[in-house]
Amino acid sequence: MSQIESARRSGAGARTALQVTAVLSTIEVLFQGATAGQILSGTGAAEGVHGAGAIAFHVLSALMLISAVMLWRATRGSIWPTVVSAVVFLIGLLQAYLGDVGVLSVHVPLALALTLGTAWVLTWSFLGGRTVRTRHSA
């Protein structure tokens, strides 16, 4: 197998890993939103589920970051998925801390940043690096 072929395969594997981890991270952050809604509506039992979900999100967003780094290293393509994944991971840690100490005035808006960040990486993982061609009439 040539070096070019090997690089293509590792790039394809890294893209698939990024797609899988981005899908799972996005699903998890949406699940976190659902459990947060239950907490705010007075369902006390949801707090334990929300806390466990936060741990799951940390793991998934770390895996998403690792996958983004692997893809970037394999292809030397856009660095943005790696940067956004790193920001999502760090905001997730900050968010967990703020939730633990009860600073919901910042915790809740950061949830939007996590949702947008994971959705951006998810979208890029499937569409990034591909040219979208449109037809123009003459």
C-alpha atoms as a PDB file:
ATOM      1  CA  MET A   1       0.000   0.000   0.000  1.00  0.00           C
ATOM      2  CA  SER A   2       1.369   3.403  -0.943  1.00  0.00           C
ATOM      3  CA  GLN A   3       1.748   6.278   1.503  1.00  0.00           C
ATOM      4  CA  ILE A   4      -0.977   8.215  -0.298  1.00  0.00           C
ATOM      5  CA  GLU A   5      -3.388   5.306  -0.062  1.00  0.00           C
ATOM      6  CA  SER A   6      -2.525   4.829   3.609  1.00  0.00           C
ATOM      7  CA  ALA A   7      -3.107   8.523   4.315  1.00  0.00           C
ATOM      8  CA  ARG A   8      -6.480   8.403   2.536  1.00  0.00           C
ATOM      9  CA  ARG A   9      -7.571   5.425   4.621  1.00  0.00           C
ATOM     10  CA  SER A  10      -6.481   6.982   7.901  1.00  0.00           C
ATOM     11  CA  GLY A  11      -8.226  10.213   6.883  1.00  0.00           C
ATOM     12  CA  ALA A  12     -11.397   8.307   6.047  1.00  0.00           C
ATOM     13  CA  GLY A  13     -11.235   6.447   9.359  1.00  0.00           C
ATOM     14  CA  ALA A  14     -10.668   9.663  11.275  1.00  0.00           C
ATOM     15  CA  ARG A  15     -13.584  11.348   9.464  1.00  0.00           C
ATOM     16  CA  THR A  16     -15.837   8.423  10.359  1.00  0.00           C
ATOM     17  CA  ALA A  17     -14.672   8.624  13.986  1.00  0.00           C
ATOM     18  CA  LEU A  18     -15.416  12.350  14.004  1.00  0.00           C
ATOM     19  CA  GLN A  19     -18.847  11.776  12.495  1.00  0.00           C
ATOM     20  CA  VAL A  20     -19.734   9.123  15.092  1.00  0.00           C
ATOM     21  CA  THR A  21     -18.458  11.128  18.060  1.00  0.00           C
ATOM     22  CA  ALA A  22     -20.114  14.320  16.781  1.00  0.00           C
ATOM     23  CA  VAL A  23     -23.461  12.528  16.393  1.00  0.00           C
ATOM     24  CA  LEU A  24     -23.200  11.065  19.892  1.00  0.00           C
ATOM     25  CA  SER A  25     -22.065  14.382  21.415  1.00  0.00           C
ATOM     26  CA  THR A  26     -24.947  16.223  19.768  1.00  0.00           C
ATOM     27  CA  ILE A  27     -27.485  13.641  20.939  1.00  0.00           C
ATOM     28  CA  GLU A  28     -26.036  13.826  24.457  1.00  0.00           C
ATOM     29  CA  VAL A  29     -26.163  17.628  24.624  1.00  0.00           C
ATOM     30  CA  LEU A  30     -29.811  17.514  23.480  1.00  0.00           C
ATOM     31  CA  PHE A  31     -30.513  14.878  26.136  1.00  0.00           C
ATOM     32  CA  GLN A  32     -28.902  17.211  28.676  1.00  0.00           C
ATOM     33  CA  GLY A  33     -31.314  19.920  27.594  1.00  0.00           C
ATOM     34  CA  ALA A  34     -34.255  17.584  28.164  1.00  0.00           C
ATOM     35  CA  THR A  35     -33.079  16.631  31.649  1.00  0.00           C
ATOM     36  CA  ALA A  36     -32.386  20.300  32.447  1.00  0.00           C
ATOM     37  CA  GLY A  37     -35.956  21.079  31.483  1.00  0.00           C
ATOM     38  CA  GLN A  38     -37.164  18.385  33.860  1.00  0.00           C
ATOM     39  CA  ILE A  39     -35.046  19.845  36.665  1.00  0.00           C
ATOM     40  CA  LEU A  40     -36.407  23.350  36.045  1.00  0.00           C
ATOM     41  CA  SER A  41     -39.962  22.022  36.037  1.00  0.00           C
ATOM     42  CA  GLY A  42     -39.421  20.511  39.470  1.00  0.00           C
ATOM     43  CA  THR A  43     -38.538  16.887  38.756  1.00  0.00           C
ATOM     44  CA  GLY A  44     -35.862  16.348  41.379  1.00  0.00           C
ATOM     45  CA  ALA A  45     -35.003  12.832  40.194  1.00  0.00           C
ATOM     46  CA  ALA A  46     -33.659  14.285  36.949  1.00  0.00           C
ATOM     47  CA  GLU A  47     -30.678  15.872  38.735  1.00  0.00           C
ATOM     48  CA  GLY A  48     -28.870  12.538  39.047  1.00  0.00           C
ATOM     49  CA  VAL A  49     -29.519  11.714  35.406  1.00  0.00           C
ATOM     50  CA  HIS A  50     -28.353  15.200  34.379  1.00  0.00           C
ATOM     51  CA  GLY A  51     -25.139  14.777  36.378  1.00  0.00           C
ATOM     52  CA  ALA A  52     -24.426  11.376  34.827  1.00  0.00           C
ATOM     53  CA  GLY A  53     -25.177  12.853  31.417  1.00  0.00           C
ATOM     54  CA  ALA A  54     -22.601  15.570  32.050  1.00  0.00           C
ATOM     55  CA  ILE A  55     -19.943  12.918  32.607  1.00  0.00           C
ATOM     56  CA  ALA A  56     -21.022  11.153  29.421  1.00  0.00           C
ATOM     57  CA  PHE A  57     -20.795  14.463  27.547  1.00  0.00           C
ATOM     58  CA  HIS A  58     -17.252  15.059  28.838  1.00  0.00           C
ATOM     59  CA  VAL A  59     -16.193  11.644  27.559  1.00  0.00           C
ATOM     60  CA  LEU A  60     -17.931  12.074  24.202  1.00  0.00           C
ATOM     61  CA  SER A  61     -16.666  15.604  23.629  1.00  0.00           C
ATOM     62  CA  ALA A  62     -13.118  14.488  24.509  1.00  0.00           C
ATOM     63  CA  LEU A  63     -13.447  11.680  21.956  1.00  0.00           C
ATOM     64  CA  MET A  64     -14.800  14.196  19.434  1.00  0.00           C
ATOM     65  CA  LEU A  65     -11.751  16.392  20.041  1.00  0.00           C
ATOM     66  CA  ILE A  66      -9.369  13.446  19.655  1.00  0.00           C
ATOM     67  CA  SER A  67     -11.136  12.448  16.418  1.00  0.00           C
ATOM     68  CA  ALA A  68     -10.900  16.013  15.091  1.00  0.00           C
ATOM     69  CA  VAL A  69      -7.174  16.119  15.872  1.00  0.00           C
ATOM     70  CA  MET A  70      -6.679  12.743  14.158  1.00  0.00           C
ATOM     71  CA  LEU A  71      -8.533  13.955  11.064  1.00  0.00           C
ATOM     72  CA  TRP A  72      -6.546  17.167  10.929  1.00  0.00           C
ATOM     73  CA  ARG A  73      -3.250  15.296  11.308  1.00  0.00           C
ATOM     74  CA  ALA A  74      -4.205  12.757   8.636  1.00  0.00           C
ATOM     75  CA  THR A  75      -5.399  15.287   6.067  1.00  0.00           C
ATOM     76  CA  ARG A  76      -3.833  18.607   7.092  1.00  0.00           C
ATOM     77  CA  GLY A  77      -7.191  20.054   6.131  1.00  0.00           C
ATOM     78  CA  SER A  78      -9.182  22.646   8.015  1.00  0.00           C
ATOM     79  CA  ILE A  79      -8.162  23.197  11.642  1.00  0.00           C
ATOM     80  CA  TRP A  80     -11.581  24.612  12.554  1.00  0.00           C
ATOM     81  CA  PRO A  81     -13.246  21.331  13.593  1.00  0.00           C
ATOM     82  CA  THR A  82     -10.361  20.779  16.012  1.00  0.00           C
ATOM     83  CA  VAL A  83     -10.621  24.305  17.405  1.00  0.00           C
ATOM     84  CA  VAL A  84     -14.405  24.129  17.807  1.00  0.00           C
ATOM     85  CA  SER A  85     -14.146  20.655  19.386  1.00  0.00           C
ATOM     86  CA  ALA A  86     -11.555  21.958  21.877  1.00  0.00           C
ATOM     87  CA  VAL A  87     -13.772  24.921  22.747  1.00  0.00           C
ATOM     88  CA  VAL A  88     -16.778  22.611  23.206  1.00  0.00           C
ATOM     89  CA  PHE A  89     -14.763  20.337  25.504  1.00  0.00           C
ATOM     90  CA  LEU A  90     -13.501  23.262  27.609  1.00  0.00           C
ATOM     91  CA  ILE A  91     -16.908  24.940  27.794  1.00  0.00           C
ATOM     92  CA  GLY A  92     -18.364  21.593  28.874  1.00  0.00           C
ATOM     93  CA  LEU A  93     -15.945  21.471  31.799  1.00  0.00           C
ATOM     94  CA  LEU A  94     -16.727  25.080  32.725  1.00  0.00           C
ATOM     95  CA  GLN A  95     -20.430  24.390  32.404  1.00  0.00           C
ATOM     96  CA  ALA A  96     -20.221  21.418  34.771  1.00  0.00           C
ATOM     97  CA  TYR A  97     -18.404  23.494  37.350  1.00  0.00           C
ATOM     98  CA  LEU A  98     -20.925  26.330  37.098  1.00  0.00           C
ATOM     99  CA  GLY A  99     -23.801  23.873  37.377  1.00  0.00           C
ATOM    100  CA  ASP A 100     -22.244  22.313  40.492  1.00  0.00           C
ATOM    101  CA  VAL A 101     -21.868  25.685  42.217  1.00  0.00           C
ATOM    102  CA  GLY A 102     -25.343  26.810  41.133  1.00  0.00           C
ATOM    103  CA  VAL A 103     -24.507  29.661  38.738  1.00  0.00           C
ATOM    104  CA  LEU A 104     -27.388  28.955  36.376  1.00  0.00           C
ATOM    105  CA  SER A 105     -27.328  32.466  34.911  1.00  0.00           C
ATOM    106  CA  VAL A 106     -24.164  31.402  33.031  1.00  0.00           C
ATOM    107  CA  HIS A 107     -24.735  27.621  32.987  1.00  0.00           C
ATOM    108  CA  VAL A 108     -27.909  27.838  30.914  1.00  0.00           C
ATOM    109  CA  PRO A 109     -26.559  30.184  28.174  1.00  0.00           C
ATOM    110  CA  LEU A 110     -23.438  28.032  27.856  1.00  0.00           C
ATOM    111  CA  ALA A 111     -25.756  25.138  27.007  1.00  0.00           C
ATOM    112  CA  LEU A 112     -26.609  27.016  23.823  1.00  0.00           C
ATOM    113  CA  ALA A 113     -22.900  27.347  22.988  1.00  0.00           C
ATOM    114  CA  LEU A 114     -22.426  23.595  23.504  1.00  0.00           C
ATOM    115  CA  THR A 115     -25.425  22.809  21.325  1.00  0.00           C
ATOM    116  CA  LEU A 116     -24.237  25.111  18.541  1.00  0.00           C
ATOM    117  CA  GLY A 117     -20.642  23.868  18.770  1.00  0.00           C
ATOM    118  CA  THR A 118     -21.497  20.186  18.610  1.00  0.00           C
ATOM    119  CA  ALA A 119     -24.004  20.808  15.810  1.00  0.00           C
ATOM    120  CA  TRP A 120     -21.347  22.752  13.865  1.00  0.00           C
ATOM    121  CA  VAL A 121     -18.801  19.925  14.191  1.00  0.00           C
ATOM    122  CA  LEU A 122     -21.500  17.400  13.279  1.00  0.00           C
ATOM    123  CA  THR A 123     -22.453  19.342  10.146  1.00  0.00           C
ATOM    124  CA  TRP A 124     -18.832  19.925   9.144  1.00  0.00           C
ATOM    125  CA  SER A 125     -17.963  16.254   9.644  1.00  0.00           C
ATOM    126  CA  PHE A 126     -20.466  15.287   6.967  1.00  0.00           C
ATOM    127  CA  LEU A 127     -20.169  18.295   4.651  1.00  0.00           C
ATOM    128  CA  GLY A 128     -16.720  19.778   5.294  1.00  0.00           C
ATOM    129  CA  GLY A 129     -14.156  19.668   2.571  1.00  0.00           C
ATOM    130  CA  ARG A 130     -16.743  19.055  -0.064  1.00  0.00           C
ATOM    131  CA  THR A 131     -17.548  21.602  -2.714  1.00  0.00           C
ATOM    132  CA  VAL A 132     -21.175  22.536  -3.111  1.00  0.00           C
ATOM    133  CA  ARG A 133     -21.862  23.388  -6.711  1.00  0.00           C
ATOM    134  CA  THR A 134     -24.831  25.383  -7.813  1.00  0.00           C
ATOM    135  CA  ARG A 135     -26.166  26.021 -11.235  1.00  0.00           C
ATOM    136  CA  HIS A 136     -26.242  29.561 -12.481  1.00  0.00           C
ATOM    137  CA  SER A 137     -28.435  30.511 -15.375  1.00  0.00           C
ATOM    138  CA  ALA A 138     -26.726  32.250 -18.259  1.00  0.00           C
END
